[in-house]
Amino acid sequence: QVQLVESGGGLVQAGDSLRLSCAASGRTSSTYITGWFRQAPGQERVFVSAITRSGGRTYYADSVKGRFTISKDNAENTVYLHMNSLKPEDTAVYYCAADLNAGGVVGSARRYDYWGQGTQVTVSS
C-alpha cells in the first residue's frame, strides 16, 4: 500500500502563495501518477494537477493553469503543489492521491487507489 499525508495548507489572503506537500510512504516506487484534487464546501471533488512517476509529464486543470506548479522530489518521496496568485475560489480541502496503474484518466478521481486525509486551504478576499 501507499500512505499519503498532505501538509502546508492554511489561511491566506488573495494574491498570496502556498506550497502544499504530499509525503508518501510504503510502496512508493510502484506509484505511476500522483494527483491533487480539491473539494469546496457543498461541491464535488475536482481535479487540480497531476505528475507522473518520472516527473516528466504534468497536468493542470484550466482553473489553475499558469498559477499552480506541481513538482516532486523522488529522494524524499514528496510531491509539491506550488500555488501562486491564490483566489478565493481556490478555497477547498486539497487531497493528494496516488495510482499504481498507467491506463486511467488523469483527472478522474475514481481511478486513484490511495488518498491522503486532506489539508485545508482558505483564501480570503
C-alpha atoms as a PDB file:
ATOM      1  CA  GLN A   1       0.000   0.000   0.000  1.00  0.00           C
ATOM      2  CA  VAL A   2       0.862   3.666  -0.284  1.00  0.00           C
ATOM      3  CA  GLN A   3       0.249   6.099   2.537  1.00  0.00           C
ATOM      4  CA  LEU A   4      -0.107   9.798   1.755  1.00  0.00           C
ATOM      5  CA  VAL A   5      -0.008  12.765   4.111  1.00  0.00           C
ATOM      6  CA  GLU A   6      -0.731  16.305   2.941  1.00  0.00           C
ATOM      7  CA  SER A   7       0.553  19.403   4.673  1.00  0.00           C
ATOM      8  CA  GLY A   8       1.059  23.096   4.036  1.00  0.00           C
ATOM      9  CA  GLY A   9      -2.498  24.363   3.983  1.00  0.00           C
ATOM     10  CA  GLY A  10      -3.624  27.429   5.841  1.00  0.00           C
ATOM     11  CA  LEU A  11      -5.402  30.759   5.742  1.00  0.00           C
ATOM     12  CA  VAL A  12      -4.016  33.300   3.285  1.00  0.00           C
ATOM     13  CA  GLN A  13      -5.109  36.444   1.508  1.00  0.00           C
ATOM     14  CA  ALA A  14      -5.956  36.691  -2.170  1.00  0.00           C
ATOM     15  CA  GLY A  15      -2.789  37.020  -4.213  1.00  0.00           C
ATOM     16  CA  ASP A  16      -0.659  35.121  -1.711  1.00  0.00           C
ATOM     17  CA  SER A  17       1.177  31.856  -2.291  1.00  0.00           C
ATOM     18  CA  LEU A  18       1.255  28.479  -0.586  1.00  0.00           C
ATOM     19  CA  ARG A  19       3.178  25.281  -1.101  1.00  0.00           C
ATOM     20  CA  LEU A  20       1.394  22.045  -0.358  1.00  0.00           C
ATOM     21  CA  SER A  21       3.335  18.865   0.281  1.00  0.00           C
ATOM     22  CA  CYS A  22       2.303  15.262  -0.198  1.00  0.00           C
ATOM     23  CA  ALA A  23       4.605  12.893   1.644  1.00  0.00           C
ATOM     24  CA  ALA A  24       4.353   9.270   0.549  1.00  0.00           C
ATOM     25  CA  SER A  25       5.402   6.092   2.289  1.00  0.00           C
ATOM     26  CA  GLY A  26       5.001   2.391   1.619  1.00  0.00           C
ATOM     27  CA  ARG A  27       5.260   1.113  -1.955  1.00  0.00           C
ATOM     28  CA  THR A  28       6.230   4.488  -3.338  1.00  0.00           C
ATOM     29  CA  SER A  29       8.279   3.036  -6.184  1.00  0.00           C
ATOM     30  CA  SER A  30       5.121   1.438  -7.602  1.00  0.00           C
ATOM     31  CA  THR A  31       3.215   4.714  -7.950  1.00  0.00           C
ATOM     32  CA  TYR A  32       2.731   5.721 -11.571  1.00  0.00           C
ATOM     33  CA  ILE A  33       0.928   9.022 -11.084  1.00  0.00           C
ATOM     34  CA  THR A  34       0.215  11.360  -8.191  1.00  0.00           C
ATOM     35  CA  GLY A  35      -2.620  13.842  -8.384  1.00  0.00           C
ATOM     36  CA  TRP A  36      -4.007  16.763  -6.448  1.00  0.00           C
ATOM     37  CA  PHE A  37      -7.753  17.192  -6.081  1.00  0.00           C
ATOM     38  CA  ARG A  38      -9.791  19.721  -4.174  1.00  0.00           C
ATOM     39  CA  GLN A  39     -13.267  19.862  -2.732  1.00  0.00           C
ATOM     40  CA  ALA A  40     -15.020  23.081  -1.812  1.00  0.00           C
ATOM     41  CA  PRO A  41     -17.934  23.118   0.639  1.00  0.00           C
ATOM     42  CA  GLY A  42     -21.018  21.589  -0.955  1.00  0.00           C
ATOM     43  CA  GLN A  43     -19.122  20.759  -4.145  1.00  0.00           C
ATOM     44  CA  GLU A  44     -17.830  17.625  -5.802  1.00  0.00           C
ATOM     45  CA  ARG A  45     -14.163  16.727  -5.590  1.00  0.00           C
ATOM     46  CA  VAL A  46     -12.416  18.009  -8.727  1.00  0.00           C
ATOM     47  CA  PHE A  47      -9.052  17.564 -10.366  1.00  0.00           C
ATOM     48  CA  VAL A  48      -6.322  20.153  -9.866  1.00  0.00           C
ATOM     49  CA  SER A  49      -2.997  18.765 -11.073  1.00  0.00           C
ATOM     50  CA  ALA A  50      -1.007  15.559 -11.522  1.00  0.00           C
ATOM     51  CA  ILE A  51       2.531  14.371 -12.158  1.00  0.00           C
ATOM     52  CA  THR A  52       3.906  11.048 -13.373  1.00  0.00           C
ATOM     53  CA  ARG A  53       6.474   8.949 -11.554  1.00  0.00           C
ATOM     54  CA  SER A  54       9.440  10.241 -13.509  1.00  0.00           C
ATOM     55  CA  GLY A  55       8.302  13.829 -13.170  1.00  0.00           C
ATOM     56  CA  GLY A  56       8.473  14.270 -16.913  1.00  0.00           C
ATOM     57  CA  ARG A  57       4.765  14.777 -17.517  1.00  0.00           C
ATOM     58  CA  THR A  58       2.484  17.181 -15.699  1.00  0.00           C
ATOM     59  CA  TYR A  59      -1.197  18.043 -15.982  1.00  0.00           C
ATOM     60  CA  TYR A  60      -3.249  21.014 -14.826  1.00  0.00           C
ATOM     61  CA  ALA A  61      -6.885  21.947 -14.634  1.00  0.00           C
ATOM     62  CA  ASP A  62      -7.759  25.047 -16.652  1.00  0.00           C
ATOM     63  CA  SER A  63      -8.707  26.877 -13.475  1.00  0.00           C
ATOM     64  CA  VAL A  64      -5.155  26.700 -12.091  1.00  0.00           C
ATOM     65  CA  LYS A  65      -3.034  26.670 -15.243  1.00  0.00           C
ATOM     66  CA  GLY A  66      -0.369  29.347 -15.079  1.00  0.00           C
ATOM     67  CA  ARG A  67      -0.792  29.820 -11.331  1.00  0.00           C
ATOM     68  CA  PHE A  68      -0.041  26.396  -9.853  1.00  0.00           C
ATOM     69  CA  THR A  69       3.049  24.276 -10.415  1.00  0.00           C
ATOM     70  CA  ILE A  70       3.392  20.624  -9.497  1.00  0.00           C
ATOM     71  CA  SER A  71       6.786  19.097  -8.809  1.00  0.00           C
ATOM     72  CA  LYS A  72       8.327  16.189  -6.969  1.00  0.00           C
ATOM     73  CA  ASP A  73      11.390  15.160  -5.024  1.00  0.00           C
ATOM     74  CA  ASN A  74      11.847  11.438  -5.530  1.00  0.00           C
ATOM     75  CA  ALA A  75      14.596  11.228  -2.929  1.00  0.00           C
ATOM     76  CA  GLU A  76      12.136  12.453  -0.308  1.00  0.00           C
ATOM     77  CA  ASN A  77       9.083  10.705  -1.803  1.00  0.00           C
ATOM     78  CA  THR A  78       7.269  14.011  -1.801  1.00  0.00           C
ATOM     79  CA  VAL A  79       5.071  15.758  -4.367  1.00  0.00           C
ATOM     80  CA  TYR A  80       4.597  19.502  -4.114  1.00  0.00           C
ATOM     81  CA  LEU A  81       1.927  21.856  -5.336  1.00  0.00           C
ATOM     82  CA  HIS A  82       3.165  25.438  -5.561  1.00  0.00           C
ATOM     83  CA  MET A  83       0.154  27.726  -5.598  1.00  0.00           C
ATOM     84  CA  ASN A  84       0.623  31.341  -6.645  1.00  0.00           C
ATOM     85  CA  SER A  85      -1.820  34.215  -7.077  1.00  0.00           C
ATOM     86  CA  LEU A  86      -4.388  32.465  -4.937  1.00  0.00           C
ATOM     87  CA  LYS A  87      -8.021  33.414  -5.356  1.00  0.00           C
ATOM     88  CA  PRO A  88     -10.994  32.997  -3.024  1.00  0.00           C
ATOM     89  CA  GLU A  89     -12.355  30.360  -5.399  1.00  0.00           C
ATOM     90  CA  ASP A  90      -9.288  28.246  -4.625  1.00  0.00           C
ATOM     91  CA  THR A  91     -10.658  27.721  -1.126  1.00  0.00           C
ATOM     92  CA  ALA A  92     -11.114  23.996  -0.582  1.00  0.00           C
ATOM     93  CA  VAL A  93      -9.777  20.918   1.100  1.00  0.00           C
ATOM     94  CA  TYR A  94      -6.873  19.714  -1.028  1.00  0.00           C
ATOM     95  CA  TYR A  95      -6.246  15.985  -1.333  1.00  0.00           C
ATOM     96  CA  CYS A  96      -3.256  14.082  -2.621  1.00  0.00           C
ATOM     97  CA  ALA A  97      -3.944  10.823  -4.468  1.00  0.00           C
ATOM     98  CA  ALA A  98      -1.812   8.065  -5.974  1.00  0.00           C
ATOM     99  CA  ASP A  99      -2.470   5.456  -8.647  1.00  0.00           C
ATOM    100  CA  LEU A 100      -0.255   2.459  -9.349  1.00  0.00           C
ATOM    101  CA  ASN A 101      -1.664   1.995 -12.865  1.00  0.00           C
ATOM    102  CA  ALA A 102      -0.887   3.888 -16.051  1.00  0.00           C
ATOM    103  CA  GLY A 103      -4.084   3.331 -18.004  1.00  0.00           C
ATOM    104  CA  GLY A 104      -6.583   5.591 -16.262  1.00  0.00           C
ATOM    105  CA  VAL A 105      -7.914   9.075 -16.900  1.00  0.00           C
ATOM    106  CA  VAL A 106      -5.681  11.686 -15.309  1.00  0.00           C
ATOM    107  CA  GLY A 107      -8.475  13.873 -13.993  1.00  0.00           C
ATOM    108  CA  SER A 108     -10.799  11.120 -12.792  1.00  0.00           C
ATOM    109  CA  ALA A 109     -10.843  10.773  -9.029  1.00  0.00           C
ATOM    110  CA  ARG A 110     -12.230   7.255  -9.336  1.00  0.00           C
ATOM    111  CA  ARG A 111      -9.027   5.876 -10.867  1.00  0.00           C
ATOM    112  CA  TYR A 112      -6.801   6.715  -7.902  1.00  0.00           C
ATOM    113  CA  ASP A 113      -6.135   3.980  -5.374  1.00  0.00           C
ATOM    114  CA  TYR A 114      -4.825   5.874  -2.371  1.00  0.00           C
ATOM    115  CA  TRP A 115      -5.748   9.179  -0.773  1.00  0.00           C
ATOM    116  CA  GLY A 116      -4.432  11.407   1.943  1.00  0.00           C
ATOM    117  CA  GLN A 117      -6.509  12.992   4.677  1.00  0.00           C
ATOM    118  CA  GLY A 118      -6.618  16.405   3.037  1.00  0.00           C
ATOM    119  CA  THR A 119      -5.355  19.833   4.023  1.00  0.00           C
ATOM    120  CA  GLN A 120      -7.499  22.952   4.224  1.00  0.00           C
ATOM    121  CA  VAL A 121      -6.680  25.970   2.076  1.00  0.00           C
ATOM    122  CA  THR A 122      -8.685  29.105   2.760  1.00  0.00           C
ATOM    123  CA  VAL A 123      -8.183  32.243   0.670  1.00  0.00           C
ATOM    124  CA  SER A 124      -9.758  35.441   1.929  1.00  0.00           C
ATOM    125  CA  SER A 125     -10.749  38.259  -0.394  1.00  0.00           C
END
